[in-house]
C-alpha atoms as a PDB file:
ATOM      1  CA  UNK A   1     -11.039  22.927 -30.616  1.00  0.00           C
ATOM      2  CA  UNK A   2     -13.285  20.768 -28.850  1.00  0.00           C
ATOM      3  CA  UNK A   3     -15.609  22.325 -25.902  1.00  0.00           C
ATOM      4  CA  UNK A   4     -14.589  18.973 -23.598  1.00  0.00           C
ATOM      5  CA  UNK A   5     -10.442  20.156 -24.269  1.00  0.00           C
ATOM      6  CA  UNK A   6     -11.142  23.625 -22.455  1.00  0.00           C
ATOM      7  CA  UNK A   7     -13.206  22.069 -19.843  1.00  0.00           C
ATOM      8  CA  UNK A   8     -10.185  19.983 -19.125  1.00  0.00           C
ATOM      9  CA  UNK A   9      -7.619  22.555 -19.560  1.00  0.00           C
ATOM     10  CA  UNK A  10      -9.842  24.682 -16.691  1.00  0.00           C
ATOM     11  CA  UNK A  11     -10.599  21.693 -14.634  1.00  0.00           C
ATOM     12  CA  UNK A  12      -6.629  20.988 -14.388  1.00  0.00           C
ATOM     13  CA  UNK A  13      -5.692  24.473 -14.080  1.00  0.00           C
ATOM     14  CA  UNK A  14      -7.770  25.265 -11.051  1.00  0.00           C
ATOM     15  CA  UNK A  15      -6.971  22.327  -9.756  1.00  0.00           C
ATOM     16  CA  UNK A  16      -3.011  23.616  -9.620  1.00  0.00           C
ATOM     17  CA  UNK A  17      -4.375  27.011  -8.381  1.00  0.00           C
ATOM     18  CA  UNK A  18      -5.931  25.574  -5.228  1.00  0.00           C
ATOM     19  CA  UNK A  19      -2.316  23.694  -4.591  1.00  0.00           C
ATOM     20  CA  UNK A  20      -0.161  26.689  -5.006  1.00  0.00           C
ATOM     21  CA  UNK A  21      -2.371  29.028  -3.003  1.00  0.00           C
ATOM     22  CA  UNK A  22      -2.068  26.457  -0.706  1.00  0.00           C
ATOM     23  CA  UNK A  23       1.701  25.692  -0.474  1.00  0.00           C
ATOM     24  CA  UNK A  24       1.773  30.052  -0.456  1.00  0.00           C
ATOM     25  CA  UNK A  25      -0.643  30.429   2.545  1.00  0.00           C
ATOM     26  CA  UNK A  26       1.476  27.837   4.373  1.00  0.00           C
ATOM     27  CA  UNK A  27       5.299  28.450   3.493  1.00  0.00           C
ATOM     28  CA  UNK A  28       5.387  31.914   2.213  1.00  0.00           C
ATOM     29  CA  UNK A  29       2.096  34.319   2.732  1.00  0.00           C
ATOM     30  CA  UNK A  30       0.710  33.190   6.226  1.00  0.00           C
ATOM     31  CA  UNK A  31      -1.317  36.003   6.406  1.00  0.00           C
ATOM     32  CA  UNK A  32      -4.233  35.297   4.540  1.00  0.00           C
ATOM     33  CA  UNK A  33      -5.590  38.601   4.530  1.00  0.00           C
ATOM     34  CA  UNK A  34      -2.566  39.833   2.929  1.00  0.00           C
ATOM     35  CA  UNK A  35      -2.690  36.527   0.292  1.00  0.00           C
ATOM     36  CA  UNK A  36      -6.006  37.702  -0.290  1.00  0.00           C
ATOM     37  CA  UNK A  37      -5.478  41.513  -1.248  1.00  0.00           C
ATOM     38  CA  UNK A  38      -2.922  40.730  -3.193  1.00  0.00           C
ATOM     39  CA  UNK A  39      -4.922  37.864  -5.299  1.00  0.00           C
ATOM     40  CA  UNK A  40      -7.238  40.557  -5.910  1.00  0.00           C
ATOM     41  CA  UNK A  41      -4.817  43.123  -7.005  1.00  0.00           C
ATOM     42  CA  UNK A  42      -3.374  40.879  -9.415  1.00  0.00           C
ATOM     43  CA  UNK A  43      -6.945  39.907 -10.726  1.00  0.00           C
ATOM     44  CA  UNK A  44      -7.993  43.897 -11.433  1.00  0.00           C
ATOM     45  CA  UNK A  45      -4.522  43.779 -13.027  1.00  0.00           C
ATOM     46  CA  UNK A  46      -5.645  40.995 -15.577  1.00  0.00           C
ATOM     47  CA  UNK A  47      -9.111  41.653 -15.958  1.00  0.00           C
ATOM     48  CA  UNK A  48      -9.005  45.648 -17.294  1.00  0.00           C
ATOM     49  CA  UNK A  49      -6.615  44.985 -19.908  1.00  0.00           C
ATOM     50  CA  UNK A  50      -8.904  42.000 -21.203  1.00  0.00           C
ATOM     51  CA  UNK A  51     -12.183  43.953 -20.496  1.00  0.00           C
ATOM     52  CA  UNK A  52     -10.775  47.414 -22.580  1.00  0.00           C
ATOM     53  CA  UNK A  53     -10.054  45.483 -25.139  1.00  0.00           C
ATOM     54  CA  UNK A  54     -13.558  43.775 -25.568  1.00  0.00           C
ATOM     55  CA  UNK A  55     -14.862  47.409 -25.278  1.00  0.00           C
ATOM     56  CA  UNK A  56     -16.312  47.346 -21.704  1.00  0.00           C
ATOM     57  CA  UNK A  57     -18.052  50.677 -20.339  1.00  0.00           C
ATOM     58  CA  UNK A  58     -19.784  51.881 -17.564  1.00  0.00           C
ATOM     59  CA  UNK A  59     -22.925  49.763 -15.662  1.00  0.00           C
ATOM     60  CA  UNK A  60     -25.851  50.286 -16.771  1.00  0.00           C
ATOM     61  CA  UNK A  61     -27.051  49.619 -12.993  1.00  0.00           C
ATOM     62  CA  UNK A  62     -24.458  49.983 -10.536  1.00  0.00           C
ATOM     63  CA  UNK A  63     -26.350  48.391  -7.255  1.00  0.00           C
ATOM     64  CA  UNK A  64     -26.075  44.930  -8.836  1.00  0.00           C
ATOM     65  CA  UNK A  65     -22.288  45.912  -9.492  1.00  0.00           C
ATOM     66  CA  UNK A  66     -21.929  46.396  -5.870  1.00  0.00           C
ATOM     67  CA  UNK A  67     -24.345  43.609  -4.056  1.00  0.00           C
ATOM     68  CA  UNK A  68     -21.822  41.336  -6.088  1.00  0.00           C
ATOM     69  CA  UNK A  69     -18.329  42.863  -5.532  1.00  0.00           C
ATOM     70  CA  UNK A  70     -19.275  42.830  -1.721  1.00  0.00           C
ATOM     71  CA  UNK A  71     -20.556  39.198  -1.687  1.00  0.00           C
ATOM     72  CA  UNK A  72     -17.270  38.459  -3.637  1.00  0.00           C
ATOM     73  CA  UNK A  73     -15.055  40.174  -1.352  1.00  0.00           C
ATOM     74  CA  UNK A  74     -16.514  38.072   1.479  1.00  0.00           C
ATOM     75  CA  UNK A  75     -16.299  34.850  -0.135  1.00  0.00           C
ATOM     76  CA  UNK A  76     -12.800  35.445  -1.309  1.00  0.00           C
ATOM     77  CA  UNK A  77     -11.139  35.905   2.135  1.00  0.00           C
ATOM     78  CA  UNK A  78     -13.674  33.141   4.228  1.00  0.00           C
ATOM     79  CA  UNK A  79     -12.097  30.890   1.134  1.00  0.00           C
ATOM     80  CA  UNK A  80      -8.587  31.514   1.723  1.00  0.00           C
ATOM     81  CA  UNK A  81      -9.260  31.322   5.433  1.00  0.00           C
ATOM     82  CA  UNK A  82     -10.568  28.208   5.083  1.00  0.00           C
ATOM     83  CA  UNK A  83      -7.899  27.034   2.650  1.00  0.00           C
ATOM     84  CA  UNK A  84      -5.359  28.068   4.745  1.00  0.00           C
ATOM     85  CA  UNK A  85      -6.599  25.805   7.913  1.00  0.00           C
ATOM     86  CA  UNK A  86      -8.038  22.863   5.798  1.00  0.00           C
ATOM     87  CA  UNK A  87      -6.130  19.734   3.976  1.00  0.00           C
ATOM     88  CA  UNK A  88      -6.686  20.104   0.277  1.00  0.00           C
ATOM     89  CA  UNK A  89      -8.086  17.137  -0.216  1.00  0.00           C
ATOM     90  CA  UNK A  90     -11.003  17.935   2.256  1.00  0.00           C
ATOM     91  CA  UNK A  91     -11.238  21.188   0.758  1.00  0.00           C
ATOM     92  CA  UNK A  92     -11.521  20.473  -2.481  1.00  0.00           C
ATOM     93  CA  UNK A  93     -14.490  18.195  -2.263  1.00  0.00           C
ATOM     94  CA  UNK A  94     -16.414  19.677   0.193  1.00  0.00           C
ATOM     95  CA  UNK A  95     -16.550  22.681  -1.899  1.00  0.00           C
ATOM     96  CA  UNK A  96     -19.048  20.407  -3.879  1.00  0.00           C
ATOM     97  CA  UNK A  97     -21.533  22.151  -1.588  1.00  0.00           C
ATOM     98  CA  UNK A  98     -21.930  24.958  -3.454  1.00  0.00           C
ATOM     99  CA  UNK A  99     -24.065  22.650  -5.025  1.00  0.00           C
ATOM    100  CA  UNK A 100     -26.853  22.117  -2.473  1.00  0.00           C
ATOM    101  CA  UNK A 101     -26.980  25.974  -2.034  1.00  0.00           C
ATOM    102  CA  UNK A 102     -27.434  26.295  -5.368  1.00  0.00           C
ATOM    103  CA  UNK A 103     -30.569  24.505  -5.524  1.00  0.00           C
ATOM    104  CA  UNK A 104     -31.896  25.703  -2.422  1.00  0.00           C
ATOM    105  CA  UNK A 105     -31.620  29.155  -3.675  1.00  0.00           C
ATOM    106  CA  UNK A 106     -32.758  28.138  -6.374  1.00  0.00           C
ATOM    107  CA  UNK A 107     -36.035  26.874  -5.171  1.00  0.00           C
ATOM    108  CA  UNK A 108     -36.256  29.883  -2.308  1.00  0.00           C
ATOM    109  CA  UNK A 109     -35.393  33.217  -4.807  1.00  0.00           C
ATOM    110  CA  UNK A 110     -36.315  31.444  -8.422  1.00  0.00           C
ATOM    111  CA  UNK A 111     -39.082  29.580  -7.901  1.00  0.00           C
ATOM    112  CA  UNK A 112     -37.128  26.476  -9.582  1.00  0.00           C
ATOM    113  CA  UNK A 113     -38.617  23.102  -8.004  1.00  0.00           C
ATOM    114  CA  UNK A 114     -37.574  20.494  -5.786  1.00  0.00           C
ATOM    115  CA  UNK A 115     -38.102  17.030  -6.217  1.00  0.00           C
ATOM    116  CA  UNK A 116     -38.109  14.552  -4.118  1.00  0.00           C
ATOM    117  CA  UNK A 117     -35.098  12.926  -5.941  1.00  0.00           C
ATOM    118  CA  UNK A 118     -33.046  16.166  -5.709  1.00  0.00           C
ATOM    119  CA  UNK A 119     -34.090  16.014  -2.191  1.00  0.00           C
ATOM    120  CA  UNK A 120     -32.421  12.575  -1.524  1.00  0.00           C
ATOM    121  CA  UNK A 121     -29.189  13.487  -3.576  1.00  0.00           C
ATOM    122  CA  UNK A 122     -28.769  16.602  -1.243  1.00  0.00           C
ATOM    123  CA  UNK A 123     -28.556  14.453   1.551  1.00  0.00           C
ATOM    124  CA  UNK A 124     -26.160  11.876  -0.204  1.00  0.00           C
ATOM    125  CA  UNK A 125     -23.591  14.965  -0.678  1.00  0.00           C
ATOM    126  CA  UNK A 126     -24.344  15.863   3.182  1.00  0.00           C
ATOM    127  CA  UNK A 127     -23.903  12.526   4.522  1.00  0.00           C
ATOM    128  CA  UNK A 128     -21.015  11.937   1.724  1.00  0.00           C
ATOM    129  CA  UNK A 129     -19.063  15.472   3.235  1.00  0.00           C
ATOM    130  CA  UNK A 130     -19.202  14.134   7.022  1.00  0.00           C
ATOM    131  CA  UNK A 131     -16.784  11.142   5.616  1.00  0.00           C
ATOM    132  CA  UNK A 132     -14.263  13.585   3.261  1.00  0.00           C
ATOM    133  CA  UNK A 133     -13.378  15.226   6.662  1.00  0.00           C
ATOM    134  CA  UNK A 134     -12.674  12.521   8.377  1.00  0.00           C
ATOM    135  CA  UNK A 135      -8.973  12.208   9.235  1.00  0.00           C
ATOM    136  CA  UNK A 136      -6.884   9.215  11.418  1.00  0.00           C
ATOM    137  CA  UNK A 137      -9.066   9.659  14.060  1.00  0.00           C
ATOM    138  CA  UNK A 138     -12.695   8.738  12.248  1.00  0.00           C
ATOM    139  CA  UNK A 139     -14.188  10.983  14.161  1.00  0.00           C
ATOM    140  CA  UNK A 140     -17.531  12.745  12.807  1.00  0.00           C
ATOM    141  CA  UNK A 141     -16.260  15.916  15.215  1.00  0.00           C
ATOM    142  CA  UNK A 142     -13.942  16.490  12.623  1.00  0.00           C
ATOM    143  CA  UNK A 143     -16.874  17.411  10.184  1.00  0.00           C
ATOM    144  CA  UNK A 144     -18.096  19.998  13.145  1.00  0.00           C
ATOM    145  CA  UNK A 145     -14.815  22.274  13.144  1.00  0.00           C
ATOM    146  CA  UNK A 146     -14.631  26.046  12.659  1.00  0.00           C
ATOM    147  CA  UNK A 147     -12.585  25.930   9.717  1.00  0.00           C
ATOM    148  CA  UNK A 148     -15.256  23.557   7.833  1.00  0.00           C
ATOM    149  CA  UNK A 149     -18.063  25.894   9.025  1.00  0.00           C
ATOM    150  CA  UNK A 150     -15.999  28.804   7.416  1.00  0.00           C
ATOM    151  CA  UNK A 151     -15.426  26.424   4.181  1.00  0.00           C
ATOM    152  CA  UNK A 152     -19.222  25.809   4.273  1.00  0.00           C
ATOM    153  CA  UNK A 153     -20.055  29.771   4.656  1.00  0.00           C
ATOM    154  CA  UNK A 154     -17.824  30.183   2.064  1.00  0.00           C
ATOM    155  CA  UNK A 155     -19.442  27.770  -0.611  1.00  0.00           C
ATOM    156  CA  UNK A 156     -23.095  29.080   0.314  1.00  0.00           C
ATOM    157  CA  UNK A 157     -21.654  32.964  -0.658  1.00  0.00           C
ATOM    158  CA  UNK A 158     -19.976  31.748  -4.016  1.00  0.00           C
ATOM    159  CA  UNK A 159     -23.288  30.346  -4.748  1.00  0.00           C
ATOM    160  CA  UNK A 160     -25.319  33.752  -3.832  1.00  0.00           C
ATOM    161  CA  UNK A 161     -22.492  35.536  -5.926  1.00  0.00           C
ATOM    162  CA  UNK A 162     -23.261  33.182  -8.638  1.00  0.00           C
ATOM    163  CA  UNK A 163     -27.157  34.287  -8.505  1.00  0.00           C
ATOM    164  CA  UNK A 164     -25.936  38.174  -8.485  1.00  0.00           C
ATOM    165  CA  UNK A 165     -23.197  38.467 -11.205  1.00  0.00           C
ATOM    166  CA  UNK A 166     -25.573  36.155 -13.886  1.00  0.00           C
ATOM    167  CA  UNK A 167     -28.306  39.230 -13.389  1.00  0.00           C
ATOM    168  CA  UNK A 168     -25.430  41.396 -13.367  1.00  0.00           C
ATOM    169  CA  UNK A 169     -24.452  40.369 -16.542  1.00  0.00           C
ATOM    170  CA  UNK A 170     -27.677  40.083 -17.899  1.00  0.00           C
ATOM    171  CA  UNK A 171     -28.042  43.775 -17.366  1.00  0.00           C
ATOM    172  CA  UNK A 172     -24.544  45.403 -17.841  1.00  0.00           C
ATOM    173  CA  UNK A 173     -22.793  42.901 -20.067  1.00  0.00           C
ATOM    174  CA  UNK A 174     -20.054  39.974 -19.825  1.00  0.00           C
ATOM    175  CA  UNK A 175     -17.158  42.247 -19.586  1.00  0.00           C
ATOM    176  CA  UNK A 176     -18.725  45.820 -17.868  1.00  0.00           C
ATOM    177  CA  UNK A 177     -19.831  43.372 -15.284  1.00  0.00           C
ATOM    178  CA  UNK A 178     -16.537  41.520 -14.633  1.00  0.00           C
ATOM    179  CA  UNK A 179     -14.371  44.288 -14.842  1.00  0.00           C
ATOM    180  CA  UNK A 180     -16.240  46.533 -12.562  1.00  0.00           C
ATOM    181  CA  UNK A 181     -16.924  43.629  -9.844  1.00  0.00           C
ATOM    182  CA  UNK A 182     -13.204  42.908  -9.781  1.00  0.00           C
ATOM    183  CA  UNK A 183     -12.410  47.068  -9.381  1.00  0.00           C
ATOM    184  CA  UNK A 184     -15.402  47.646  -6.460  1.00  0.00           C
ATOM    185  CA  UNK A 185     -14.173  44.172  -4.825  1.00  0.00           C
ATOM    186  CA  UNK A 186     -10.962  45.391  -4.627  1.00  0.00           C
ATOM    187  CA  UNK A 187     -11.790  48.585  -2.830  1.00  0.00           C
ATOM    188  CA  UNK A 188     -13.926  46.669  -0.317  1.00  0.00           C
ATOM    189  CA  UNK A 189     -10.973  44.555  -0.101  1.00  0.00           C
ATOM    190  CA  UNK A 190      -8.505  47.306   0.662  1.00  0.00           C
ATOM    191  CA  UNK A 191     -10.640  48.254   3.870  1.00  0.00           C
ATOM    192  CA  UNK A 192      -9.124  44.910   5.301  1.00  0.00           C
ATOM    193  CA  UNK A 193      -5.825  46.875   5.129  1.00  0.00           C
ATOM    194  CA  UNK A 194      -5.159  47.121   8.854  1.00  0.00           C
ATOM    195  CA  UNK A 195      -5.416  43.563   8.914  1.00  0.00           C
ATOM    196  CA  UNK A 196      -2.518  42.802   7.091  1.00  0.00           C
ATOM    197  CA  UNK A 197      -0.115  45.956   6.961  1.00  0.00           C
ATOM    198  CA  UNK A 198       2.317  44.751   9.192  1.00  0.00           C
ATOM    199  CA  UNK A 199       3.247  41.951   7.083  1.00  0.00           C
ATOM    200  CA  UNK A 200       3.334  43.359   3.862  1.00  0.00           C
ATOM    201  CA  UNK A 201       6.471  45.270   4.795  1.00  0.00           C
ATOM    202  CA  UNK A 202       7.450  41.963   4.951  1.00  0.00           C
ATOM    203  CA  UNK A 203       6.933  40.384   1.520  1.00  0.00           C
ATOM    204  CA  UNK A 204       9.749  39.399  -0.596  1.00  0.00           C
ATOM    205  CA  UNK A 205       9.726  39.515  -4.626  1.00  0.00           C
ATOM    206  CA  UNK A 206       9.920  35.352  -4.141  1.00  0.00           C
ATOM    207  CA  UNK A 207       7.089  35.669  -2.367  1.00  0.00           C
ATOM    208  CA  UNK A 208       4.508  37.393  -5.154  1.00  0.00           C
ATOM    209  CA  UNK A 209       6.002  35.737  -8.113  1.00  0.00           C
ATOM    210  CA  UNK A 210       4.276  32.444  -7.759  1.00  0.00           C
ATOM    211  CA  UNK A 211       0.945  34.691  -6.610  1.00  0.00           C
ATOM    212  CA  UNK A 212       1.350  36.234 -10.073  1.00  0.00           C
ATOM    213  CA  UNK A 213       1.172  32.915 -11.879  1.00  0.00           C
ATOM    214  CA  UNK A 214      -1.602  31.633  -9.780  1.00  0.00           C
ATOM    215  CA  UNK A 215      -3.621  34.829 -10.831  1.00  0.00           C
ATOM    216  CA  UNK A 216      -3.052  34.273 -14.312  1.00  0.00           C
ATOM    217  CA  UNK A 217      -3.190  30.539 -13.989  1.00  0.00           C
ATOM    218  CA  UNK A 218      -6.919  31.286 -13.330  1.00  0.00           C
ATOM    219  CA  UNK A 219      -7.325  34.320 -16.054  1.00  0.00           C
ATOM    220  CA  UNK A 220      -6.292  31.309 -18.071  1.00  0.00           C
ATOM    221  CA  UNK A 221      -8.902  29.118 -16.486  1.00  0.00           C
ATOM    222  CA  UNK A 222     -11.800  31.388 -16.378  1.00  0.00           C
ATOM    223  CA  UNK A 223     -11.936  31.943 -19.718  1.00  0.00           C
ATOM    224  CA  UNK A 224     -11.433  27.777 -20.960  1.00  0.00           C
ATOM    225  CA  UNK A 225     -14.218  27.579 -18.469  1.00  0.00           C
ATOM    226  CA  UNK A 226     -16.344  30.281 -20.409  1.00  0.00           C
ATOM    227  CA  UNK A 227     -15.543  28.581 -23.557  1.00  0.00           C
ATOM    228  CA  UNK A 228     -16.271  25.443 -22.299  1.00  0.00           C
ATOM    229  CA  UNK A 229     -20.014  26.322 -20.809  1.00  0.00           C
ATOM    230  CA  UNK A 230     -20.727  28.699 -24.023  1.00  0.00           C
ATOM    231  CA  UNK A 231     -20.941  25.292 -25.801  1.00  0.00           C
ATOM    232  CA  UNK A 232     -21.802  22.526 -23.272  1.00  0.00           C
ATOM    233  CA  UNK A 233     -23.272  23.109 -19.599  1.00  0.00           C
ATOM    234  CA  UNK A 234     -23.823  19.529 -18.820  1.00  0.00           C
ATOM    235  CA  UNK A 235     -20.387  17.525 -19.187  1.00  0.00           C
ATOM    236  CA  UNK A 236     -17.852  20.910 -19.052  1.00  0.00           C
ATOM    237  CA  UNK A 237     -19.446  21.195 -15.513  1.00  0.00           C
ATOM    238  CA  UNK A 238     -18.857  17.214 -14.852  1.00  0.00           C
ATOM    239  CA  UNK A 239     -15.501  17.327 -16.279  1.00  0.00           C
ATOM    240  CA  UNK A 240     -14.550  20.926 -13.829  1.00  0.00           C
ATOM    241  CA  UNK A 241     -15.915  18.939 -11.093  1.00  0.00           C
ATOM    242  CA  UNK A 242     -13.531  16.873 -10.536  1.00  0.00           C
ATOM    243  CA  UNK A 243     -11.287  17.421  -7.372  1.00  0.00           C
ATOM    244  CA  UNK A 244      -7.746  17.581  -9.072  1.00  0.00           C
ATOM    245  CA  UNK A 245      -6.091  19.425  -6.160  1.00  0.00           C
ATOM    246  CA  UNK A 246      -7.086  16.564  -3.600  1.00  0.00           C
ATOM    247  CA  UNK A 247      -5.745  14.167  -6.272  1.00  0.00           C
ATOM    248  CA  UNK A 248      -2.387  16.293  -6.537  1.00  0.00           C
ATOM    249  CA  UNK A 249      -2.347  16.978  -3.184  1.00  0.00           C
ATOM    250  CA  UNK A 250      -2.648  13.342  -2.396  1.00  0.00           C
ATOM    251  CA  UNK A 251      -0.138  12.243  -4.821  1.00  0.00           C
ATOM    252  CA  UNK A 252       2.679  14.925  -3.491  1.00  0.00           C
ATOM    253  CA  UNK A 253       1.616  13.684  -0.019  1.00  0.00           C
ATOM    254  CA  UNK A 254       3.604  10.416  -0.346  1.00  0.00           C
ATOM    255  CA  UNK A 255       6.732  12.717  -2.548  1.00  0.00           C
ATOM    256  CA  UNK A 256       6.652  15.707  -0.191  1.00  0.00           C
ATOM    257  CA  UNK A 257       5.206  15.117   2.798  1.00  0.00           C
ATOM    258  CA  UNK A 258       5.795  18.346   4.001  1.00  0.00           C
ATOM    259  CA  UNK A 259       4.760  20.580   1.303  1.00  0.00           C
ATOM    260  CA  UNK A 260       0.885  20.227   1.853  1.00  0.00           C
ATOM    261  CA  UNK A 261      -0.319  17.308   3.989  1.00  0.00           C
ATOM    262  CA  UNK A 262       0.488  13.930   4.817  1.00  0.00           C
ATOM    263  CA  UNK A 263      -2.390  10.813   6.072  1.00  0.00           C
ATOM    264  CA  UNK A 264      -2.481   7.362   6.093  1.00  0.00           C
ATOM    265  CA  UNK A 265      -3.496   5.648   3.058  1.00  0.00           C
ATOM    266  CA  UNK A 266      -6.852   4.549   4.447  1.00  0.00           C
ATOM    267  CA  UNK A 267      -8.185   8.109   5.217  1.00  0.00           C
ATOM    268  CA  UNK A 268      -7.266   8.738   1.920  1.00  0.00           C
ATOM    269  CA  UNK A 269      -9.251   5.631   0.868  1.00  0.00           C
ATOM    270  CA  UNK A 270     -12.078   7.099   2.173  1.00  0.00           C
ATOM    271  CA  UNK A 271     -11.555  10.824   1.227  1.00  0.00           C
ATOM    272  CA  UNK A 272     -11.428   9.723  -2.165  1.00  0.00           C
ATOM    273  CA  UNK A 273     -14.507   7.276  -2.191  1.00  0.00           C
ATOM    274  CA  UNK A 274     -16.455  10.212  -0.464  1.00  0.00           C
ATOM    275  CA  UNK A 275     -15.490  12.621  -3.343  1.00  0.00           C
ATOM    276  CA  UNK A 276     -16.787  10.309  -6.062  1.00  0.00           C
ATOM    277  CA  UNK A 277     -20.135   9.812  -4.058  1.00  0.00           C
ATOM    278  CA  UNK A 278     -20.448  13.819  -3.502  1.00  0.00           C
ATOM    279  CA  UNK A 279     -19.324  14.422  -7.250  1.00  0.00           C
ATOM    280  CA  UNK A 280     -22.217  11.883  -8.397  1.00  0.00           C
ATOM    281  CA  UNK A 281     -24.806  13.237  -6.119  1.00  0.00           C
ATOM    282  CA  UNK A 282     -24.017  16.849  -7.722  1.00  0.00           C
ATOM    283  CA  UNK A 283     -24.113  15.872 -10.774  1.00  0.00           C
ATOM    284  CA  UNK A 284     -27.548  14.566 -10.250  1.00  0.00           C
ATOM    285  CA  UNK A 285     -28.606  17.950  -8.718  1.00  0.00           C
ATOM    286  CA  UNK A 286     -27.360  20.052 -11.414  1.00  0.00           C
ATOM    287  CA  UNK A 287     -29.390  18.090 -14.421  1.00  0.00           C
END
């Protein structure tokens, strides 16, 4: 099967995954700390058998594993908190800010060049971010909210994690790095138990089963993305950057307005146009 089909599969699965997590956080598991912990548990359960099959061993260097897991732990719960507070049609496009942070980190720490054209696209991406966060009031203040700040911080951490995990893989290997980062990440997140211990007793099987589907979908999506990136990075990145979750959320807003979100058509029109600009700018920065 050609690489671009794997990229489309990954992109669609990631979009559906975001929708399911948002629905869970809104209607079932409303404590983001608990939802994040259960997400980590599921990730460990699924990745350990795959790592064993692929003969993962003990890391050669533990420090990069611990750093990666620590950053990933902070990223995951800021990601979950932001998603629980922001519309999917805003959350998905703003996550493209990770490209800005990746470029800046590469310039500061990896001695990569930052051209005037790249600086221009950083500005365009940032400006489009203001419009994608607009609501019915069409106020710029909607961008300067606590929830948006948490999301942007989360995307920054994702960029940092990407750098760290790449270094970890180069030293320890792919499966060894991923399985131990997942395990150590789970240990870190276990420290947040006091923040959800009361809610864990209220869990129902009907709440957990959809989460299992989410984690399984994420695992399949990651494997498809890895396969796509192994053959072509540019086109695969373009396909995976498509915000399917935003498109699904907008569609659902007209059919099931109480499930996720509901806004006027003009608001969605502005968000879609701004997202298109953000995707274009992000792709230019990724070249």
